[in-house]
């Protein structure tokens, strides 16, 4: 399974080499658009389109609604991940305190 991040193509940098710049939540990076461009949909027509980006490639076109929903879900997953990390850190801290208490009681 691969995770595609929604981004909007903001410039076509090199149509011959299928390179464009995508904006992903305010971060811009160059990507390859060869997976979404063809004779019926040339590179210049990709400007402004939403795409799913994976490892530097635009893997597929998506609409703005799908992009917004995917970004919302990714944000929720990030928040859930942060909460899990906080819970793990608290659990580890508790285990360290118990281990220290056990050590002190034995000595």
C-alpha atoms as a PDB file:
ATOM      1  CA  UNK A   1       0.000   0.000   0.000  1.00  0.00           C
ATOM      2  CA  UNK A   2       1.278   3.460  -0.810  1.00  0.00           C
ATOM      3  CA  UNK A   3       0.161   6.752   0.605  1.00  0.00           C
ATOM      4  CA  UNK A   4      -0.545   9.550  -1.829  1.00  0.00           C
ATOM      5  CA  UNK A   5      -0.593  13.106  -0.503  1.00  0.00           C
ATOM      6  CA  UNK A   6      -2.911  15.589  -2.244  1.00  0.00           C
ATOM      7  CA  UNK A   7      -1.233  18.547  -3.883  1.00  0.00           C
ATOM      8  CA  UNK A   8      -2.143  21.155  -6.440  1.00  0.00           C
ATOM      9  CA  UNK A   9       0.044  21.702  -9.499  1.00  0.00           C
ATOM     10  CA  UNK A  10       1.103  25.343  -9.424  1.00  0.00           C
ATOM     11  CA  UNK A  11       3.544  25.436 -12.320  1.00  0.00           C
ATOM     12  CA  UNK A  12       4.737  23.381 -15.253  1.00  0.00           C
ATOM     13  CA  UNK A  13       8.525  23.642 -15.022  1.00  0.00           C
ATOM     14  CA  UNK A  14       9.713  21.446 -17.884  1.00  0.00           C
ATOM     15  CA  UNK A  15       6.976  19.985 -20.108  1.00  0.00           C
ATOM     16  CA  UNK A  16       9.468  17.977 -22.193  1.00  0.00           C
ATOM     17  CA  UNK A  17      10.731  16.148 -19.098  1.00  0.00           C
ATOM     18  CA  UNK A  18       7.270  16.095 -17.466  1.00  0.00           C
ATOM     19  CA  UNK A  19       8.311  18.175 -14.446  1.00  0.00           C
ATOM     20  CA  UNK A  20       5.962  20.400 -12.494  1.00  0.00           C
ATOM     21  CA  UNK A  21       5.796  22.072  -9.093  1.00  0.00           C
ATOM     22  CA  UNK A  22       3.104  20.994  -6.684  1.00  0.00           C
ATOM     23  CA  UNK A  23       1.897  22.756  -3.544  1.00  0.00           C
ATOM     24  CA  UNK A  24       1.161  20.412  -0.645  1.00  0.00           C
ATOM     25  CA  UNK A  25      -0.222  22.344   2.327  1.00  0.00           C
ATOM     26  CA  UNK A  26       2.004  25.324   1.579  1.00  0.00           C
ATOM     27  CA  UNK A  27       5.117  23.273   0.816  1.00  0.00           C
ATOM     28  CA  UNK A  28       6.221  23.359  -2.803  1.00  0.00           C
ATOM     29  CA  UNK A  29       8.303  20.714  -4.486  1.00  0.00           C
ATOM     30  CA  UNK A  30       9.059  19.537  -7.954  1.00  0.00           C
ATOM     31  CA  UNK A  31       7.354  16.351  -9.114  1.00  0.00           C
ATOM     32  CA  UNK A  32       7.182  14.187 -12.189  1.00  0.00           C
ATOM     33  CA  UNK A  33       3.813  14.240 -13.973  1.00  0.00           C
ATOM     34  CA  UNK A  34       4.484  11.506 -16.542  1.00  0.00           C
ATOM     35  CA  UNK A  35       1.888   9.209 -14.903  1.00  0.00           C
ATOM     36  CA  UNK A  36      -0.930  11.717 -15.477  1.00  0.00           C
ATOM     37  CA  UNK A  37       0.080  13.406 -18.741  1.00  0.00           C
ATOM     38  CA  UNK A  38      -0.481  11.920 -22.175  1.00  0.00           C
ATOM     39  CA  UNK A  39      -1.451  12.978 -25.699  1.00  0.00           C
ATOM     40  CA  UNK A  40      -5.032  13.714 -24.625  1.00  0.00           C
ATOM     41  CA  UNK A  41      -3.912  15.508 -21.476  1.00  0.00           C
ATOM     42  CA  UNK A  42      -0.590  17.288 -22.206  1.00  0.00           C
ATOM     43  CA  UNK A  43       1.606  18.663 -19.406  1.00  0.00           C
ATOM     44  CA  UNK A  44       0.453  22.273 -19.819  1.00  0.00           C
ATOM     45  CA  UNK A  45      -3.152  21.220 -19.184  1.00  0.00           C
ATOM     46  CA  UNK A  46      -2.189  19.883 -15.721  1.00  0.00           C
ATOM     47  CA  UNK A  47      -1.711  23.377 -14.293  1.00  0.00           C
ATOM     48  CA  UNK A  48      -4.111  23.925 -11.390  1.00  0.00           C
ATOM     49  CA  UNK A  49      -5.095  20.281 -11.101  1.00  0.00           C
ATOM     50  CA  UNK A  50      -5.175  18.364  -7.833  1.00  0.00           C
ATOM     51  CA  UNK A  51      -3.108  15.191  -7.834  1.00  0.00           C
ATOM     52  CA  UNK A  52      -2.060  12.461  -5.435  1.00  0.00           C
ATOM     53  CA  UNK A  53       1.713  12.635  -4.993  1.00  0.00           C
ATOM     54  CA  UNK A  54       3.818   9.624  -4.003  1.00  0.00           C
ATOM     55  CA  UNK A  55       7.639   9.539  -3.955  1.00  0.00           C
ATOM     56  CA  UNK A  56       7.910  12.536  -6.249  1.00  0.00           C
ATOM     57  CA  UNK A  57       5.359  11.399  -8.827  1.00  0.00           C
ATOM     58  CA  UNK A  58       1.826  12.597  -9.481  1.00  0.00           C
ATOM     59  CA  UNK A  59       0.123   9.204  -9.462  1.00  0.00           C
ATOM     60  CA  UNK A  60      -3.440  10.264 -10.305  1.00  0.00           C
ATOM     61  CA  UNK A  61      -5.715  13.260 -10.740  1.00  0.00           C
ATOM     62  CA  UNK A  62      -8.326  13.981  -8.072  1.00  0.00           C
ATOM     63  CA  UNK A  63     -10.955  16.679  -7.656  1.00  0.00           C
ATOM     64  CA  UNK A  64     -10.766  19.470  -5.064  1.00  0.00           C
ATOM     65  CA  UNK A  65     -13.373  17.793  -2.836  1.00  0.00           C
ATOM     66  CA  UNK A  66     -11.426  14.528  -2.686  1.00  0.00           C
ATOM     67  CA  UNK A  67      -8.230  16.471  -1.995  1.00  0.00           C
ATOM     68  CA  UNK A  68      -9.841  18.334   0.914  1.00  0.00           C
ATOM     69  CA  UNK A  69     -11.284  15.131   2.384  1.00  0.00           C
ATOM     70  CA  UNK A  70      -7.971  13.286   2.095  1.00  0.00           C
ATOM     71  CA  UNK A  71      -6.112  16.171   3.740  1.00  0.00           C
ATOM     72  CA  UNK A  72      -8.694  16.216   6.561  1.00  0.00           C
ATOM     73  CA  UNK A  73      -8.244  12.488   7.163  1.00  0.00           C
ATOM     74  CA  UNK A  74      -4.453  12.799   7.096  1.00  0.00           C
ATOM     75  CA  UNK A  75      -4.685  15.620   9.631  1.00  0.00           C
ATOM     76  CA  UNK A  76      -6.868  13.461  11.886  1.00  0.00           C
ATOM     77  CA  UNK A  77      -4.415  10.586  11.566  1.00  0.00           C
ATOM     78  CA  UNK A  78      -1.598  12.952  12.511  1.00  0.00           C
ATOM     79  CA  UNK A  79      -3.531  14.101  15.570  1.00  0.00           C
ATOM     80  CA  UNK A  80      -4.272  10.492  16.527  1.00  0.00           C
ATOM     81  CA  UNK A  81      -0.601   9.618  16.064  1.00  0.00           C
ATOM     82  CA  UNK A  82       0.422  12.529  18.302  1.00  0.00           C
ATOM     83  CA  UNK A  83      -2.050  11.377  20.969  1.00  0.00           C
ATOM     84  CA  UNK A  84      -0.719   7.808  20.803  1.00  0.00           C
ATOM     85  CA  UNK A  85       2.850   9.073  21.149  1.00  0.00           C
ATOM     86  CA  UNK A  86       1.816  11.114  24.209  1.00  0.00           C
ATOM     87  CA  UNK A  87       0.161   8.046  25.721  1.00  0.00           C
ATOM     88  CA  UNK A  88       3.249   5.902  25.041  1.00  0.00           C
ATOM     89  CA  UNK A  89       5.519   8.518  26.581  1.00  0.00           C
ATOM     90  CA  UNK A  90       3.339   8.663  29.716  1.00  0.00           C
ATOM     91  CA  UNK A  91       3.310   4.865  29.947  1.00  0.00           C
ATOM     92  CA  UNK A  92       7.095   4.706  29.551  1.00  0.00           C
ATOM     93  CA  UNK A  93       7.537   7.359  32.221  1.00  0.00           C
ATOM     94  CA  UNK A  94       5.301   5.366  34.571  1.00  0.00           C
ATOM     95  CA  UNK A  95       7.292   2.180  33.911  1.00  0.00           C
ATOM     96  CA  UNK A  96      10.540   4.018  34.634  1.00  0.00           C
ATOM     97  CA  UNK A  97       9.180   5.304  37.944  1.00  0.00           C
ATOM     98  CA  UNK A  98       8.023   1.800  38.921  1.00  0.00           C
ATOM     99  CA  UNK A  99      11.387   0.308  37.969  1.00  0.00           C
ATOM    100  CA  UNK A 100      13.207   2.966  39.986  1.00  0.00           C
ATOM    101  CA  UNK A 101      10.903   2.382  42.992  1.00  0.00           C
ATOM    102  CA  UNK A 102      11.416  -1.397  42.767  1.00  0.00           C
ATOM    103  CA  UNK A 103      15.181  -0.906  42.603  1.00  0.00           C
ATOM    104  CA  UNK A 104      15.175   1.405  45.628  1.00  0.00           C
ATOM    105  CA  UNK A 105      13.053  -1.043  47.652  1.00  0.00           C
ATOM    106  CA  UNK A 106      15.483  -3.896  46.991  1.00  0.00           C
ATOM    107  CA  UNK A 107      18.508  -1.861  48.045  1.00  0.00           C
END
